[in-house]
């Protein structure tokens, strides 16, 4: 088995080609959202800690999708990788508790216009080192003849629609209609929101929406 790390440094929207062969990859560090394309046609937008495995490739194309300069390190292997290391600085329990937050909140119902609730505001003063999202729960119930849509997203700017474009990351999304109760949970998450990005729940629905609520657990790094 062979495994090797590669550093990249991209301008805003820039691309870099790595002539490397393997069958697994993992984004170790990054200062923004990164799209990885393989010569076999696979592609995925990645944040640190995420990766691809189970297919062969001979070349990778790295593309910045954050809209600002983006640098980091990617690990490439010719076999499936096991990586259970804890990256970063280990601090005492009191400090960890200070950085951890859990929020449960109801969103405004009967909201016809697109709206959002800010969990963490964008900017390095609010998110200087990144945010580790550990758990999320979205729950919605539309009216008898209505609909309601809700998503958990990360973005470097406040979202203005459900179409996040290249400068955004979708964690989870639910859609309720005709009085149905819809709930989605993501457990044991290890997705890192880049420094300077905000964390939001976005939502929109018909005037007779009955329930819209969410729970989020996250840690500021």
C-alpha atoms as a PDB file:
ATOM      1  CA  UNK A   1       0.000   0.000   0.000  1.00  0.00           C
ATOM      2  CA  UNK A   2       1.220   3.484  -0.832  1.00  0.00           C
ATOM      3  CA  UNK A   3      -0.074   6.726   0.610  1.00  0.00           C
ATOM      4  CA  UNK A   4       1.215  10.241   0.115  1.00  0.00           C
ATOM      5  CA  UNK A   5       0.140  13.775   0.960  1.00  0.00           C
ATOM      6  CA  UNK A   6       0.063  16.651  -1.521  1.00  0.00           C
ATOM      7  CA  UNK A   7      -0.140  20.356  -0.750  1.00  0.00           C
ATOM      8  CA  UNK A   8      -2.151  22.695  -2.950  1.00  0.00           C
ATOM      9  CA  UNK A   9      -2.465  26.477  -3.148  1.00  0.00           C
ATOM     10  CA  UNK A  10      -5.297  27.871  -5.278  1.00  0.00           C
ATOM     11  CA  UNK A  11      -6.349  31.367  -6.187  1.00  0.00           C
ATOM     12  CA  UNK A  12     -10.049  32.213  -5.932  1.00  0.00           C
ATOM     13  CA  UNK A  13     -11.804  29.914  -8.416  1.00  0.00           C
ATOM     14  CA  UNK A  14      -8.435  28.496  -9.512  1.00  0.00           C
ATOM     15  CA  UNK A  15      -7.594  24.900 -10.420  1.00  0.00           C
ATOM     16  CA  UNK A  16      -4.612  22.594 -10.003  1.00  0.00           C
ATOM     17  CA  UNK A  17      -3.979  19.198 -11.615  1.00  0.00           C
ATOM     18  CA  UNK A  18      -2.262  16.412  -9.683  1.00  0.00           C
ATOM     19  CA  UNK A  19      -0.867  13.561 -11.805  1.00  0.00           C
ATOM     20  CA  UNK A  20      -1.322  10.971  -9.052  1.00  0.00           C
ATOM     21  CA  UNK A  21      -2.779   7.470  -9.143  1.00  0.00           C
ATOM     22  CA  UNK A  22      -4.823   5.885  -6.377  1.00  0.00           C
ATOM     23  CA  UNK A  23      -8.181   4.550  -5.274  1.00  0.00           C
ATOM     24  CA  UNK A  24      -8.873   6.664  -2.167  1.00  0.00           C
ATOM     25  CA  UNK A  25      -8.392  10.285  -1.148  1.00  0.00           C
ATOM     26  CA  UNK A  26      -9.081  12.436   1.881  1.00  0.00           C
ATOM     27  CA  UNK A  27      -8.971  16.201   2.302  1.00  0.00           C
ATOM     28  CA  UNK A  28      -6.868  16.740   5.432  1.00  0.00           C
ATOM     29  CA  UNK A  29      -6.796  20.534   5.605  1.00  0.00           C
ATOM     30  CA  UNK A  30      -8.337  23.368   3.587  1.00  0.00           C
ATOM     31  CA  UNK A  31      -9.163  27.026   4.023  1.00  0.00           C
ATOM     32  CA  UNK A  32     -12.311  26.770   1.901  1.00  0.00           C
ATOM     33  CA  UNK A  33     -14.639  24.482  -0.019  1.00  0.00           C
ATOM     34  CA  UNK A  34     -12.737  22.312  -2.537  1.00  0.00           C
ATOM     35  CA  UNK A  35     -14.101  20.427  -5.548  1.00  0.00           C
ATOM     36  CA  UNK A  36     -12.159  17.307  -6.560  1.00  0.00           C
ATOM     37  CA  UNK A  37     -12.598  15.819 -10.036  1.00  0.00           C
ATOM     38  CA  UNK A  38     -11.036  12.546 -11.209  1.00  0.00           C
ATOM     39  CA  UNK A  39     -10.086  11.495 -14.718  1.00  0.00           C
ATOM     40  CA  UNK A  40     -12.776   8.784 -14.436  1.00  0.00           C
ATOM     41  CA  UNK A  41     -15.566  11.359 -14.112  1.00  0.00           C
ATOM     42  CA  UNK A  42     -16.178  11.311 -10.355  1.00  0.00           C
ATOM     43  CA  UNK A  43     -16.483  14.687  -8.646  1.00  0.00           C
ATOM     44  CA  UNK A  44     -17.362  15.933  -5.175  1.00  0.00           C
ATOM     45  CA  UNK A  45     -17.212  19.132  -3.151  1.00  0.00           C
ATOM     46  CA  UNK A  46     -15.234  18.474   0.024  1.00  0.00           C
ATOM     47  CA  UNK A  47     -14.563  20.071   3.380  1.00  0.00           C
ATOM     48  CA  UNK A  48     -11.687  18.936   5.656  1.00  0.00           C
ATOM     49  CA  UNK A  49     -12.204  15.384   6.899  1.00  0.00           C
ATOM     50  CA  UNK A  50     -14.227  14.291   3.864  1.00  0.00           C
ATOM     51  CA  UNK A  51     -13.011  12.135   0.982  1.00  0.00           C
ATOM     52  CA  UNK A  52     -13.686   9.526  -1.684  1.00  0.00           C
ATOM     53  CA  UNK A  53     -12.842   5.826  -1.801  1.00  0.00           C
ATOM     54  CA  UNK A  54     -13.465   2.615  -3.701  1.00  0.00           C
ATOM     55  CA  UNK A  55     -12.465   3.557  -7.275  1.00  0.00           C
ATOM     56  CA  UNK A  56      -9.287   3.991  -9.285  1.00  0.00           C
ATOM     57  CA  UNK A  57      -7.973   7.198 -10.804  1.00  0.00           C
ATOM     58  CA  UNK A  58      -4.808   8.404 -12.535  1.00  0.00           C
ATOM     59  CA  UNK A  59      -5.253  12.164 -12.223  1.00  0.00           C
ATOM     60  CA  UNK A  60      -7.031  14.635  -9.930  1.00  0.00           C
ATOM     61  CA  UNK A  61      -8.176  18.182 -10.628  1.00  0.00           C
ATOM     62  CA  UNK A  62      -8.590  20.424  -7.579  1.00  0.00           C
ATOM     63  CA  UNK A  63     -10.881  23.468  -7.968  1.00  0.00           C
ATOM     64  CA  UNK A  64     -11.530  26.203  -5.419  1.00  0.00           C
ATOM     65  CA  UNK A  65     -15.245  26.667  -4.718  1.00  0.00           C
ATOM     66  CA  UNK A  66     -14.921  29.137  -1.836  1.00  0.00           C
ATOM     67  CA  UNK A  67     -14.399  32.253  -3.926  1.00  0.00           C
ATOM     68  CA  UNK A  68     -11.220  33.196  -2.050  1.00  0.00           C
ATOM     69  CA  UNK A  69      -7.650  31.862  -1.945  1.00  0.00           C
ATOM     70  CA  UNK A  70      -7.663  28.240  -0.800  1.00  0.00           C
ATOM     71  CA  UNK A  71      -4.744  26.128   0.360  1.00  0.00           C
ATOM     72  CA  UNK A  72      -4.452  22.809   2.127  1.00  0.00           C
ATOM     73  CA  UNK A  73      -3.324  19.196   2.000  1.00  0.00           C
ATOM     74  CA  UNK A  74      -4.861  16.118   0.416  1.00  0.00           C
ATOM     75  CA  UNK A  75      -3.992  12.481   1.166  1.00  0.00           C
ATOM     76  CA  UNK A  76      -3.997   9.984  -1.727  1.00  0.00           C
ATOM     77  CA  UNK A  77      -3.703   6.208  -1.320  1.00  0.00           C
ATOM     78  CA  UNK A  78      -3.933   3.109  -3.502  1.00  0.00           C
ATOM     79  CA  UNK A  79      -5.901   1.309  -0.777  1.00  0.00           C
ATOM     80  CA  UNK A  80      -8.772   2.140   1.570  1.00  0.00           C
ATOM     81  CA  UNK A  81      -7.439   4.340   4.374  1.00  0.00           C
ATOM     82  CA  UNK A  82      -8.060   4.148   8.097  1.00  0.00           C
ATOM     83  CA  UNK A  83      -7.461   7.451   9.843  1.00  0.00           C
ATOM     84  CA  UNK A  84      -8.759   7.864  13.396  1.00  0.00           C
ATOM     85  CA  UNK A  85      -6.306  10.522  14.474  1.00  0.00           C
ATOM     86  CA  UNK A  86      -7.500  13.606  16.329  1.00  0.00           C
ATOM     87  CA  UNK A  87      -6.124  16.688  14.588  1.00  0.00           C
ATOM     88  CA  UNK A  88      -5.459  19.953  16.342  1.00  0.00           C
ATOM     89  CA  UNK A  89      -4.776  20.912  19.938  1.00  0.00           C
ATOM     90  CA  UNK A  90      -6.172  18.824  22.779  1.00  0.00           C
ATOM     91  CA  UNK A  91      -7.294  21.097  25.610  1.00  0.00           C
ATOM     92  CA  UNK A  92      -8.647  20.571  29.099  1.00  0.00           C
ATOM     93  CA  UNK A  93     -12.305  19.642  29.585  1.00  0.00           C
ATOM     94  CA  UNK A  94     -13.394  23.114  30.737  1.00  0.00           C
ATOM     95  CA  UNK A  95     -12.100  24.657  27.515  1.00  0.00           C
ATOM     96  CA  UNK A  96     -13.827  22.049  25.357  1.00  0.00           C
ATOM     97  CA  UNK A  97     -17.113  22.720  27.130  1.00  0.00           C
ATOM     98  CA  UNK A  98     -16.682  26.441  26.549  1.00  0.00           C
ATOM     99  CA  UNK A  99     -16.320  25.902  22.799  1.00  0.00           C
ATOM    100  CA  UNK A 100     -19.237  23.457  22.447  1.00  0.00           C
ATOM    101  CA  UNK A 101     -22.793  24.634  21.816  1.00  0.00           C
ATOM    102  CA  UNK A 102     -26.156  22.929  21.396  1.00  0.00           C
ATOM    103  CA  UNK A 103     -29.152  24.837  20.049  1.00  0.00           C
ATOM    104  CA  UNK A 104     -32.805  23.869  19.697  1.00  0.00           C
ATOM    105  CA  UNK A 105     -34.998  26.469  18.055  1.00  0.00           C
ATOM    106  CA  UNK A 106     -38.319  26.869  16.276  1.00  0.00           C
ATOM    107  CA  UNK A 107     -38.277  28.729  12.979  1.00  0.00           C
ATOM    108  CA  UNK A 108     -40.974  31.171  11.958  1.00  0.00           C
ATOM    109  CA  UNK A 109     -43.936  29.350  10.414  1.00  0.00           C
ATOM    110  CA  UNK A 110     -46.356  30.844   7.916  1.00  0.00           C
ATOM    111  CA  UNK A 111     -43.316  32.245   6.129  1.00  0.00           C
ATOM    112  CA  UNK A 112     -43.987  32.510   2.414  1.00  0.00           C
ATOM    113  CA  UNK A 113     -40.772  34.437   1.666  1.00  0.00           C
ATOM    114  CA  UNK A 114     -37.341  32.796   1.862  1.00  0.00           C
ATOM    115  CA  UNK A 115     -35.913  33.234   5.382  1.00  0.00           C
ATOM    116  CA  UNK A 116     -33.029  31.988   7.496  1.00  0.00           C
ATOM    117  CA  UNK A 117     -31.907  31.621  11.114  1.00  0.00           C
ATOM    118  CA  UNK A 118     -28.241  32.325  11.856  1.00  0.00           C
ATOM    119  CA  UNK A 119     -26.558  29.757  14.087  1.00  0.00           C
ATOM    120  CA  UNK A 120     -23.045  31.186  13.677  1.00  0.00           C
ATOM    121  CA  UNK A 121     -22.533  34.496  11.855  1.00  0.00           C
ATOM    122  CA  UNK A 122     -19.946  34.687   9.047  1.00  0.00           C
ATOM    123  CA  UNK A 123     -16.604  36.431   9.551  1.00  0.00           C
ATOM    124  CA  UNK A 124     -13.388  35.567  11.349  1.00  0.00           C
ATOM    125  CA  UNK A 125     -14.504  37.445  14.466  1.00  0.00           C
ATOM    126  CA  UNK A 126     -17.322  34.893  14.944  1.00  0.00           C
ATOM    127  CA  UNK A 127     -15.611  31.847  13.393  1.00  0.00           C
ATOM    128  CA  UNK A 128     -11.827  32.365  13.510  1.00  0.00           C
ATOM    129  CA  UNK A 129     -10.638  28.736  13.254  1.00  0.00           C
ATOM    130  CA  UNK A 130     -13.508  26.669  11.874  1.00  0.00           C
ATOM    131  CA  UNK A 131     -16.573  24.894  13.280  1.00  0.00           C
ATOM    132  CA  UNK A 132     -16.970  21.144  13.783  1.00  0.00           C
ATOM    133  CA  UNK A 133     -20.625  20.149  13.292  1.00  0.00           C
ATOM    134  CA  UNK A 134     -21.433  17.007  15.311  1.00  0.00           C
ATOM    135  CA  UNK A 135     -25.216  16.549  15.179  1.00  0.00           C
ATOM    136  CA  UNK A 136     -28.260  18.001  13.478  1.00  0.00           C
ATOM    137  CA  UNK A 137     -32.003  17.421  13.524  1.00  0.00           C
ATOM    138  CA  UNK A 138     -34.562  19.073  11.232  1.00  0.00           C
ATOM    139  CA  UNK A 139     -38.321  18.632  11.752  1.00  0.00           C
ATOM    140  CA  UNK A 140     -41.192  20.093   9.777  1.00  0.00           C
ATOM    141  CA  UNK A 141     -44.947  19.725   9.359  1.00  0.00           C
ATOM    142  CA  UNK A 142     -46.765  21.533   6.598  1.00  0.00           C
ATOM    143  CA  UNK A 143     -50.412  22.480   6.635  1.00  0.00           C
ATOM    144  CA  UNK A 144     -53.081  20.110   5.229  1.00  0.00           C
ATOM    145  CA  UNK A 145     -52.698  21.497   1.717  1.00  0.00           C
ATOM    146  CA  UNK A 146     -49.372  23.306   2.022  1.00  0.00           C
ATOM    147  CA  UNK A 147     -45.644  22.721   1.971  1.00  0.00           C
ATOM    148  CA  UNK A 148     -42.510  23.601   3.950  1.00  0.00           C
ATOM    149  CA  UNK A 149     -38.810  23.254   3.064  1.00  0.00           C
ATOM    150  CA  UNK A 150     -35.884  23.556   5.478  1.00  0.00           C
ATOM    151  CA  UNK A 151     -32.104  23.076   5.087  1.00  0.00           C
ATOM    152  CA  UNK A 152     -28.958  23.217   7.229  1.00  0.00           C
ATOM    153  CA  UNK A 153     -26.199  24.969   5.273  1.00  0.00           C
ATOM    154  CA  UNK A 154     -22.792  26.634   5.620  1.00  0.00           C
ATOM    155  CA  UNK A 155     -21.803  29.658   3.549  1.00  0.00           C
ATOM    156  CA  UNK A 156     -19.252  32.491   3.623  1.00  0.00           C
ATOM    157  CA  UNK A 157     -22.117  34.975   3.188  1.00  0.00           C
ATOM    158  CA  UNK A 158     -25.735  35.054   4.306  1.00  0.00           C
ATOM    159  CA  UNK A 159     -27.797  32.880   1.911  1.00  0.00           C
ATOM    160  CA  UNK A 160     -30.443  34.503  -0.260  1.00  0.00           C
ATOM    161  CA  UNK A 161     -32.052  31.353  -1.703  1.00  0.00           C
ATOM    162  CA  UNK A 162     -31.913  27.564  -1.587  1.00  0.00           C
ATOM    163  CA  UNK A 163     -29.601  27.682  -4.631  1.00  0.00           C
ATOM    164  CA  UNK A 164     -26.303  28.081  -2.770  1.00  0.00           C
ATOM    165  CA  UNK A 165     -24.130  27.872  -5.880  1.00  0.00           C
ATOM    166  CA  UNK A 166     -20.433  27.123  -5.554  1.00  0.00           C
ATOM    167  CA  UNK A 167     -20.046  29.208  -2.376  1.00  0.00           C
ATOM    168  CA  UNK A 168     -22.055  27.051  -0.025  1.00  0.00           C
ATOM    169  CA  UNK A 169     -22.337  23.599   1.534  1.00  0.00           C
ATOM    170  CA  UNK A 170     -25.546  21.650   2.148  1.00  0.00           C
ATOM    171  CA  UNK A 171     -25.589  19.426   5.255  1.00  0.00           C
ATOM    172  CA  UNK A 172     -29.185  18.257   5.195  1.00  0.00           C
ATOM    173  CA  UNK A 173     -32.587  19.173   3.733  1.00  0.00           C
ATOM    174  CA  UNK A 174     -36.208  18.173   4.331  1.00  0.00           C
ATOM    175  CA  UNK A 175     -39.476  18.882   2.519  1.00  0.00           C
ATOM    176  CA  UNK A 176     -42.974  18.445   3.958  1.00  0.00           C
ATOM    177  CA  UNK A 177     -46.267  18.694   2.112  1.00  0.00           C
ATOM    178  CA  UNK A 178     -49.968  17.949   2.615  1.00  0.00           C
ATOM    179  CA  UNK A 179     -49.721  17.813   6.407  1.00  0.00           C
ATOM    180  CA  UNK A 180     -46.895  15.265   6.618  1.00  0.00           C
ATOM    181  CA  UNK A 181     -44.410  15.340   9.514  1.00  0.00           C
ATOM    182  CA  UNK A 182     -40.851  14.994   8.177  1.00  0.00           C
ATOM    183  CA  UNK A 183     -37.770  14.631  10.368  1.00  0.00           C
ATOM    184  CA  UNK A 184     -34.108  14.040   9.546  1.00  0.00           C
ATOM    185  CA  UNK A 185     -31.202  13.411  11.929  1.00  0.00           C
ATOM    186  CA  UNK A 186     -27.465  13.323  11.233  1.00  0.00           C
ATOM    187  CA  UNK A 187     -25.450  11.714  14.043  1.00  0.00           C
ATOM    188  CA  UNK A 188     -21.705  11.437  14.720  1.00  0.00           C
ATOM    189  CA  UNK A 189     -20.894  14.094  12.155  1.00  0.00           C
ATOM    190  CA  UNK A 190     -17.304  15.330  11.760  1.00  0.00           C
ATOM    191  CA  UNK A 191     -17.794  17.943   9.060  1.00  0.00           C
ATOM    192  CA  UNK A 192     -15.697  21.095   9.501  1.00  0.00           C
ATOM    193  CA  UNK A 193     -17.047  24.467   8.391  1.00  0.00           C
ATOM    194  CA  UNK A 194     -14.108  26.626   7.173  1.00  0.00           C
ATOM    195  CA  UNK A 195     -12.952  29.640   9.160  1.00  0.00           C
ATOM    196  CA  UNK A 196     -14.949  32.763   8.356  1.00  0.00           C
ATOM    197  CA  UNK A 197     -18.009  30.855   7.148  1.00  0.00           C
ATOM    198  CA  UNK A 198     -21.434  31.105   8.744  1.00  0.00           C
ATOM    199  CA  UNK A 199     -23.825  28.317   9.723  1.00  0.00           C
ATOM    200  CA  UNK A 200     -27.539  28.722   8.910  1.00  0.00           C
ATOM    201  CA  UNK A 201     -30.912  27.027   8.797  1.00  0.00           C
ATOM    202  CA  UNK A 202     -32.837  28.265   5.754  1.00  0.00           C
ATOM    203  CA  UNK A 203     -36.564  27.741   5.251  1.00  0.00           C
ATOM    204  CA  UNK A 204     -39.652  28.664   3.266  1.00  0.00           C
ATOM    205  CA  UNK A 205     -43.224  27.404   3.098  1.00  0.00           C
ATOM    206  CA  UNK A 206     -46.915  27.995   2.614  1.00  0.00           C
ATOM    207  CA  UNK A 207     -48.940  30.140   5.009  1.00  0.00           C
ATOM    208  CA  UNK A 208     -50.480  27.164   6.855  1.00  0.00           C
ATOM    209  CA  UNK A 209     -47.195  25.548   7.991  1.00  0.00           C
ATOM    210  CA  UNK A 210     -47.647  24.090  11.481  1.00  0.00           C
ATOM    211  CA  UNK A 211     -44.141  23.043  12.654  1.00  0.00           C
ATOM    212  CA  UNK A 212     -40.604  24.075  11.786  1.00  0.00           C
ATOM    213  CA  UNK A 213     -37.802  23.357  14.267  1.00  0.00           C
ATOM    214  CA  UNK A 214     -34.159  22.304  14.419  1.00  0.00           C
ATOM    215  CA  UNK A 215     -31.464  21.142  16.833  1.00  0.00           C
ATOM    216  CA  UNK A 216     -27.726  21.591  16.169  1.00  0.00           C
ATOM    217  CA  UNK A 217     -24.643  20.561  18.149  1.00  0.00           C
ATOM    218  CA  UNK A 218     -21.303  22.062  17.138  1.00  0.00           C
ATOM    219  CA  UNK A 219     -17.858  22.976  18.426  1.00  0.00           C
ATOM    220  CA  UNK A 220     -15.813  26.071  17.637  1.00  0.00           C
ATOM    221  CA  UNK A 221     -12.245  24.979  16.899  1.00  0.00           C
END
